[in-house]
C-alpha atoms as a PDB file:
ATOM      1  CA  MET A   1     -18.662   7.277  20.603  1.00  0.00           C
ATOM      2  CA  PRO A   2     -21.589   5.953  18.137  1.00  0.00           C
ATOM      3  CA  THR A   3     -20.748   2.665  16.370  1.00  0.00           C
ATOM      4  CA  ASN A   4     -20.730   4.348  13.002  1.00  0.00           C
ATOM      5  CA  ASP A   5     -18.078   6.957  14.360  1.00  0.00           C
ATOM      6  CA  ILE A   6     -15.760   4.335  15.336  1.00  0.00           C
ATOM      7  CA  VAL A   7     -12.249   4.917  13.899  1.00  0.00           C
ATOM      8  CA  ARG A   8     -11.232   1.899  12.041  1.00  0.00           C
ATOM      9  CA  SER A   9      -7.708   0.453  11.620  1.00  0.00           C
ATOM     10  CA  HIS A  10      -5.582   2.439   9.192  1.00  0.00           C
ATOM     11  CA  ILE A  11      -1.961   3.728   8.486  1.00  0.00           C
ATOM     12  CA  LEU A  12      -1.436   7.437   9.111  1.00  0.00           C
ATOM     13  CA  ILE A  13       1.504   9.041   7.366  1.00  0.00           C
ATOM     14  CA  THR A  14       2.800  12.162   9.341  1.00  0.00           C
ATOM     15  CA  GLU A  15       6.231  13.554  10.266  1.00  0.00           C
ATOM     16  CA  ALA A  16       4.829  14.215  13.868  1.00  0.00           C
ATOM     17  CA  VAL A  17       4.595  10.696  14.852  1.00  0.00           C
ATOM     18  CA  GLU A  18       4.711  11.078  18.603  1.00  0.00           C
ATOM     19  CA  GLU A  19       2.226  14.137  18.594  1.00  0.00           C
ATOM     20  CA  ALA A  20      -0.087  12.194  16.378  1.00  0.00           C
ATOM     21  CA  ALA A  21       0.058   9.148  18.749  1.00  0.00           C
ATOM     22  CA  GLU A  22      -0.804  11.624  21.636  1.00  0.00           C
ATOM     23  CA  ASN A  23      -3.716  13.176  19.770  1.00  0.00           C
ATOM     24  CA  PHE A  24      -5.199   9.610  19.096  1.00  0.00           C
ATOM     25  CA  VAL A  25      -5.116   8.822  22.809  1.00  0.00           C
ATOM     26  CA  LEU A  26      -7.054  11.984  23.651  1.00  0.00           C
ATOM     27  CA  SER A  27      -9.459  11.853  20.746  1.00  0.00           C
ATOM     28  CA  LEU A  28     -10.327   7.995  21.000  1.00  0.00           C
ATOM     29  CA  LYS A  29     -11.669   8.473  24.653  1.00  0.00           C
ATOM     30  CA  PRO A  30     -13.501   6.878  26.255  1.00  0.00           C
ATOM     31  CA  TYR A  31     -12.056   3.901  24.308  1.00  0.00           C
ATOM     32  CA  ARG A  32      -8.949   2.236  25.667  1.00  0.00           C
ATOM     33  CA  CYS A  33      -5.816   3.103  23.697  1.00  0.00           C
ATOM     34  CA  VAL A  34      -2.484   1.306  24.227  1.00  0.00           C
ATOM     35  CA  THR A  35       0.527   2.987  22.491  1.00  0.00           C
ATOM     36  CA  PHE A  36       3.727   1.435  21.201  1.00  0.00           C
ATOM     37  CA  ILE A  37       5.618   4.438  19.588  1.00  0.00           C
ATOM     38  CA  LYS A  38       9.445   3.916  19.254  1.00  0.00           C
ATOM     39  CA  GLU A  39      12.157   5.925  17.502  1.00  0.00           C
ATOM     40  CA  ASP A  40      13.055   2.429  16.115  1.00  0.00           C
ATOM     41  CA  PHE A  41      10.351  -0.106  16.291  1.00  0.00           C
ATOM     42  CA  LEU A  42      12.144  -3.419  16.960  1.00  0.00           C
ATOM     43  CA  ILE A  43      10.956  -7.178  17.128  1.00  0.00           C
ATOM     44  CA  GLU A  44      10.391  -7.028  20.848  1.00  0.00           C
ATOM     45  CA  ASP A  45       7.964  -3.954  20.268  1.00  0.00           C
ATOM     46  CA  ALA A  46       6.140  -6.206  17.623  1.00  0.00           C
ATOM     47  CA  LYS A  47       5.866  -9.044  19.942  1.00  0.00           C
ATOM     48  CA  ALA A  48       4.425  -6.727  22.702  1.00  0.00           C
ATOM     49  CA  VAL A  49       1.967  -5.557  20.163  1.00  0.00           C
ATOM     50  CA  VAL A  50       0.744  -8.865  19.285  1.00  0.00           C
ATOM     51  CA  ALA A  51       0.551  -9.944  23.032  1.00  0.00           C
ATOM     52  CA  GLU A  52      -1.588  -6.883  23.794  1.00  0.00           C
ATOM     53  CA  SER A  53      -4.009  -7.705  20.680  1.00  0.00           C
ATOM     54  CA  TYR A  54      -4.822 -10.973  22.304  1.00  0.00           C
ATOM     55  CA  ILE A  55      -5.725  -9.744  25.597  1.00  0.00           C
ATOM     56  CA  ALA A  56      -9.526  -9.960  25.445  1.00  0.00           C
ATOM     57  CA  GLU A  57     -11.627  -6.796  25.509  1.00  0.00           C
ATOM     58  CA  ALA A  58     -15.394  -6.242  25.972  1.00  0.00           C
ATOM     59  CA  ASP A  59     -15.201  -3.097  23.982  1.00  0.00           C
ATOM     60  CA  ILE A  60     -13.048  -1.429  21.139  1.00  0.00           C
ATOM     61  CA  LYS A  61      -9.440  -1.327  22.069  1.00  0.00           C
ATOM     62  CA  TYR A  62      -7.144   0.827  20.114  1.00  0.00           C
ATOM     63  CA  ILE A  63      -3.452  -0.163  19.616  1.00  0.00           C
ATOM     64  CA  VAL A  64      -1.143   2.719  18.276  1.00  0.00           C
ATOM     65  CA  LEU A  65       2.067   1.668  17.011  1.00  0.00           C
ATOM     66  CA  GLY A  66       4.971   3.054  14.760  1.00  0.00           C
ATOM     67  CA  GLY A  67       8.055   5.126  14.761  1.00  0.00           C
ATOM     68  CA  LYS A  68      10.581   6.627  12.365  1.00  0.00           C
ATOM     69  CA  SER A  69      11.761   3.023  11.310  1.00  0.00           C
ATOM     70  CA  ILE A  70      10.157  -0.284  11.501  1.00  0.00           C
ATOM     71  CA  ASN A  71      12.612  -3.105  10.819  1.00  0.00           C
ATOM     72  CA  VAL A  72      11.536  -5.872   8.319  1.00  0.00           C
ATOM     73  CA  ILE A  73      11.441  -8.620  10.996  1.00  0.00           C
ATOM     74  CA  SER A  74       9.112  -6.611  13.123  1.00  0.00           C
ATOM     75  CA  GLN A  75       6.663  -5.774  10.052  1.00  0.00           C
ATOM     76  CA  ASN A  76       6.631  -9.360   9.028  1.00  0.00           C
ATOM     77  CA  SER A  77       5.639 -10.548  12.493  1.00  0.00           C
ATOM     78  CA  LEU A  78       2.702  -8.307  12.497  1.00  0.00           C
ATOM     79  CA  LEU A  79       1.295  -9.390   9.306  1.00  0.00           C
ATOM     80  CA  LYS A  80      -0.945 -12.126  10.649  1.00  0.00           C
ATOM     81  CA  VAL A  81      -2.591 -10.130  13.355  1.00  0.00           C
ATOM     82  CA  LEU A  82      -3.126  -7.069  11.020  1.00  0.00           C
ATOM     83  CA  GLU A  83      -4.893  -9.469   8.474  1.00  0.00           C
ATOM     84  CA  GLU A  84      -7.010 -11.232  11.085  1.00  0.00           C
ATOM     85  CA  PRO A  85      -7.288  -8.849  14.168  1.00  0.00           C
ATOM     86  CA  PRO A  86      -8.689 -10.307  17.241  1.00  0.00           C
ATOM     87  CA  ARG A  87     -12.257  -9.149  18.348  1.00  0.00           C
ATOM     88  CA  ASN A  88     -12.651  -5.489  19.267  1.00  0.00           C
ATOM     89  CA  ILE A  89      -9.150  -4.645  18.195  1.00  0.00           C
ATOM     90  CA  GLU A  90      -8.264  -1.707  15.910  1.00  0.00           C
ATOM     91  CA  PHE A  91      -4.748  -0.695  14.726  1.00  0.00           C
ATOM     92  CA  ILE A  92      -3.385   2.679  14.070  1.00  0.00           C
ATOM     93  CA  ILE A  93       0.122   2.626  12.446  1.00  0.00           C
ATOM     94  CA  ILE A  94       1.866   5.987  12.428  1.00  0.00           C
ATOM     95  CA  VAL A  95       5.061   6.407  10.375  1.00  0.00           C
ATOM     96  CA  PRO A  96       6.749   9.416   8.565  1.00  0.00           C
ATOM     97  CA  SER A  97       6.695   7.981   5.253  1.00  0.00           C
ATOM     98  CA  LYS A  98       5.056   5.029   3.228  1.00  0.00           C
ATOM     99  CA  SER A  99       8.516   3.844   2.171  1.00  0.00           C
ATOM    100  CA  VAL A 100       9.017   2.827   5.947  1.00  0.00           C
ATOM    101  CA  LEU A 101       6.391   0.162   5.430  1.00  0.00           C
ATOM    102  CA  LEU A 102       6.622  -3.046   3.409  1.00  0.00           C
ATOM    103  CA  PRO A 103       4.133  -3.443   0.418  1.00  0.00           C
ATOM    104  CA  THR A 104       2.435  -6.326   2.339  1.00  0.00           C
ATOM    105  CA  VAL A 105       1.914  -4.208   5.366  1.00  0.00           C
ATOM    106  CA  ARG A 106       0.625  -1.428   3.349  1.00  0.00           C
ATOM    107  CA  SER A 107      -1.899  -3.603   1.506  1.00  0.00           C
ATOM    108  CA  ARG A 108      -3.564  -4.738   4.636  1.00  0.00           C
ATOM    109  CA  LEU A 109      -4.799  -1.473   5.890  1.00  0.00           C
ATOM    110  CA  PRO A 110      -6.114   1.907   4.155  1.00  0.00           C
ATOM    111  CA  MET A 111      -3.779   4.643   4.335  1.00  0.00           C
ATOM    112  CA  LYS A 112      -4.293   8.342   5.449  1.00  0.00           C
ATOM    113  CA  SER A 113      -1.878  11.224   5.115  1.00  0.00           C
ATOM    114  CA  GLU A 114      -1.283  14.537   7.180  1.00  0.00           C
ATOM    115  CA  LYS A 115       1.538  15.358   4.776  1.00  0.00           C
ATOM    116  CA  THR A 116       1.268  17.539   1.779  1.00  0.00           C
ATOM    117  CA  ILE A 117       1.181  14.864  -0.902  1.00  0.00           C
ATOM    118  CA  ARG A 118       4.481  15.127  -2.923  1.00  0.00           C
ATOM    119  CA  GLU A 119       3.844  13.781  -6.465  1.00  0.00           C
ATOM    120  CA  ILE A 120       6.119  10.800  -7.298  1.00  0.00           C
ATOM    121  CA  ALA A 121       8.192  11.504 -10.336  1.00  0.00           C
ATOM    122  CA  THR A 122       6.475   9.820 -13.396  1.00  0.00           C
ATOM    123  CA  LEU A 123       8.279   6.874 -14.682  1.00  0.00           C
ATOM    124  CA  ASP A 124       8.629   6.641 -18.476  1.00  0.00           C
ATOM    125  CA  ILE A 125       7.522   3.024 -18.589  1.00  0.00           C
ATOM    126  CA  ARG A 126       4.641   0.794 -18.816  1.00  0.00           C
ATOM    127  CA  LEU A 127       5.015  -2.021 -16.396  1.00  0.00           C
ATOM    128  CA  SER A 128       2.052  -3.849 -18.065  1.00  0.00           C
ATOM    129  CA  GLN A 129       3.874  -3.916 -21.338  1.00  0.00           C
ATOM    130  CA  PHE A 130       7.423  -4.454 -20.067  1.00  0.00           C
ATOM    131  CA  ASP A 131       9.915  -6.643 -21.903  1.00  0.00           C
ATOM    132  CA  LEU A 132      13.606  -7.633 -21.564  1.00  0.00           C
ATOM    133  CA  ASP A 133      14.948  -4.843 -23.836  1.00  0.00           C
ATOM    134  CA  GLN A 134      13.205  -2.310 -21.634  1.00  0.00           C
ATOM    135  CA  LEU A 135      14.290  -4.123 -18.349  1.00  0.00           C
ATOM    136  CA  PHE A 136      17.913  -3.903 -19.574  1.00  0.00           C
ATOM    137  CA  ARG A 137      17.746  -0.288 -20.425  1.00  0.00           C
ATOM    138  CA  PHE A 138      16.112   0.676 -17.122  1.00  0.00           C
ATOM    139  CA  VAL A 139      18.295  -1.225 -14.822  1.00  0.00           C
ATOM    140  CA  LYS A 140      21.352   0.143 -16.664  1.00  0.00           C
ATOM    141  CA  ALA A 141      20.161   3.735 -16.084  1.00  0.00           C
ATOM    142  CA  HIS A 142      19.490   3.070 -12.305  1.00  0.00           C
ATOM    143  CA  GLU A 143      22.298   0.591 -11.174  1.00  0.00           C
ATOM    144  CA  ARG A 144      24.245   3.231  -9.329  1.00  0.00           C
ATOM    145  CA  LEU A 145      21.754   4.782  -7.034  1.00  0.00           C
ATOM    146  CA  LYS A 146      22.346   5.195  -3.400  1.00  0.00           C
ATOM    147  CA  LYS A 147      20.372   3.201  -0.896  1.00  0.00           C
ATOM    148  CA  HIS A 148      17.804   6.094  -0.135  1.00  0.00           C
ATOM    149  CA  GLU A 149      17.474   6.601  -3.917  1.00  0.00           C
ATOM    150  CA  ALA A 150      16.990   2.909  -4.460  1.00  0.00           C
ATOM    151  CA  LYS A 151      14.289   2.903  -1.771  1.00  0.00           C
ATOM    152  CA  THR A 152      12.512   5.912  -3.523  1.00  0.00           C
ATOM    153  CA  LEU A 153      12.704   4.283  -7.044  1.00  0.00           C
ATOM    154  CA  LEU A 154      11.095   1.035  -5.579  1.00  0.00           C
ATOM    155  CA  GLU A 155       8.311   3.275  -4.181  1.00  0.00           C
ATOM    156  CA  ALA A 156       7.784   4.847  -7.525  1.00  0.00           C
ATOM    157  CA  LEU A 157       7.594   1.388  -9.212  1.00  0.00           C
ATOM    158  CA  PHE A 158       4.996   0.256  -6.765  1.00  0.00           C
ATOM    159  CA  TYR A 159       3.116   3.477  -7.329  1.00  0.00           C
ATOM    160  CA  GLN A 160       3.352   3.116 -11.164  1.00  0.00           C
ATOM    161  CA  ALA A 161       1.974  -0.482 -11.031  1.00  0.00           C
ATOM    162  CA  THR A 162      -0.918   0.065  -8.501  1.00  0.00           C
ATOM    163  CA  MET A 163      -2.026   3.586  -8.792  1.00  0.00           C
ATOM    164  CA  ARG A 164      -1.078   4.804 -12.418  1.00  0.00           C
ATOM    165  CA  GLU A 165      -1.568   1.527 -14.160  1.00  0.00           C
ATOM    166  CA  LYS A 166      -4.247   0.239 -11.898  1.00  0.00           C
ATOM    167  CA  MET A 167      -2.658  -3.358 -11.723  1.00  0.00           C
ATOM    168  CA  VAL A 168      -3.697  -5.904  -9.233  1.00  0.00           C
ATOM    169  CA  LEU A 169      -0.227  -7.393  -8.213  1.00  0.00           C
ATOM    170  CA  ASN A 170      -0.292 -11.017  -7.334  1.00  0.00           C
ATOM    171  CA  ALA A 171       1.504 -12.637  -4.392  1.00  0.00           C
ATOM    172  CA  ARG A 172       4.881 -13.168  -6.272  1.00  0.00           C
ATOM    173  CA  GLN A 173       5.066  -9.533  -7.141  1.00  0.00           C
ATOM    174  CA  LEU A 174       4.356  -8.203  -3.792  1.00  0.00           C
ATOM    175  CA  GLU A 175       6.816 -10.504  -2.356  1.00  0.00           C
ATOM    176  CA  SER A 176       9.355  -9.221  -4.799  1.00  0.00           C
ATOM    177  CA  PHE A 177       9.069  -5.677  -3.353  1.00  0.00           C
ATOM    178  CA  ASP A 178       9.230  -6.999   0.237  1.00  0.00           C
ATOM    179  CA  SER A 179      12.394  -9.011  -0.623  1.00  0.00           C
ATOM    180  CA  ALA A 180      13.782  -5.868  -2.409  1.00  0.00           C
ATOM    181  CA  TYR A 181      13.427  -3.618   0.687  1.00  0.00           C
ATOM    182  CA  ARG A 182      15.034  -6.473   2.945  1.00  0.00           C
ATOM    183  CA  LEU A 183      18.031  -6.790   0.728  1.00  0.00           C
ATOM    184  CA  LEU A 184      18.507  -3.183   0.444  1.00  0.00           C
ATOM    185  CA  GLU A 185      18.666  -3.070   4.203  1.00  0.00           C
ATOM    186  CA  LEU A 186      21.408  -5.894   4.107  1.00  0.00           C
ATOM    187  CA  ASN A 187      23.207  -3.740   1.435  1.00  0.00           C
ATOM    188  CA  GLY A 188      22.461  -6.232  -1.473  1.00  0.00           C
ATOM    189  CA  ARG A 189      23.477  -5.211  -4.845  1.00  0.00           C
ATOM    190  CA  PHE A 190      20.600  -2.829  -6.306  1.00  0.00           C
ATOM    191  CA  GLN A 191      21.157  -4.004  -9.886  1.00  0.00           C
ATOM    192  CA  VAL A 192      20.210  -7.707  -9.120  1.00  0.00           C
ATOM    193  CA  ILE A 193      17.423  -6.524  -6.640  1.00  0.00           C
ATOM    194  CA  LEU A 194      15.806  -4.430  -9.473  1.00  0.00           C
ATOM    195  CA  VAL A 195      16.118  -7.174 -11.913  1.00  0.00           C
ATOM    196  CA  ASN A 196      14.275  -9.428  -9.584  1.00  0.00           C
ATOM    197  CA  VAL A 197      11.549  -7.105  -9.126  1.00  0.00           C
ATOM    198  CA  LEU A 198      11.017  -6.101 -12.761  1.00  0.00           C
ATOM    199  CA  MET A 199      11.252  -9.735 -13.990  1.00  0.00           C
ATOM    200  CA  THR A 200       7.858 -10.550 -12.104  1.00  0.00           C
ATOM    201  CA  PHE A 201       6.263  -8.122 -14.375  1.00  0.00           C
ATOM    202  CA  ILE A 202       7.493  -9.906 -17.506  1.00  0.00           C
ATOM    203  CA  ALA A 203       6.801 -13.389 -16.084  1.00  0.00           C
ATOM    204  CA  ASP A 204       3.499 -12.803 -14.478  1.00  0.00           C
ATOM    205  CA  LYS A 205       1.508 -10.282 -16.538  1.00  0.00           C
ATOM    206  CA  PRO A 206      -0.972  -8.775 -13.890  1.00  0.00           C
ATOM    207  CA  ARG A 207      -4.566  -7.877 -14.854  1.00  0.00           C
ATOM    208  CA  ALA A 208      -5.776  -4.349 -14.968  1.00  0.00           C
ATOM    209  CA  TYR A 209      -9.189  -3.247 -13.784  1.00  0.00           C
END
């Protein structure tokens, strides 16, 4: 495979996670491809990925990982190796939905999709101009969401900020989204979670480009 045709690290969004992984193994020959595809990707799987990534390679090695769910601890343990991959290592992360991944993971790799792109509902807000009155009204309107609905709303807020309003989120804002997903998994009170996320847009006005 010519150097300019090498498949670089990225995230693939597809419902057919296992099938996509098998296709990668075939299409990436003659390069070595090591897969870690699980129904539920756990911390021991993440540790195995990190260990495999530090096994020296003379040529490109692909590490294909993912599953229908990847818990927060596992994702956090992968952040360093995704940001600073060892020499000749490329990562392919395969998940059925963007919402499976923390914003900090998504920010480290380009994303591709095999799904029909479903337009996220437009939020009738401008996060770059958000104030306390708007925050109160928004939280009041969304305080009784179920867990999956809450995750969808967080996804819509992230999309609103980064794609529609072209904001460059700072570390505190990215961490607020990560914390929100973690607290939802622990059945935290969504009203409080949502306030914590939205307050970062009032306290830390991000720049637009």
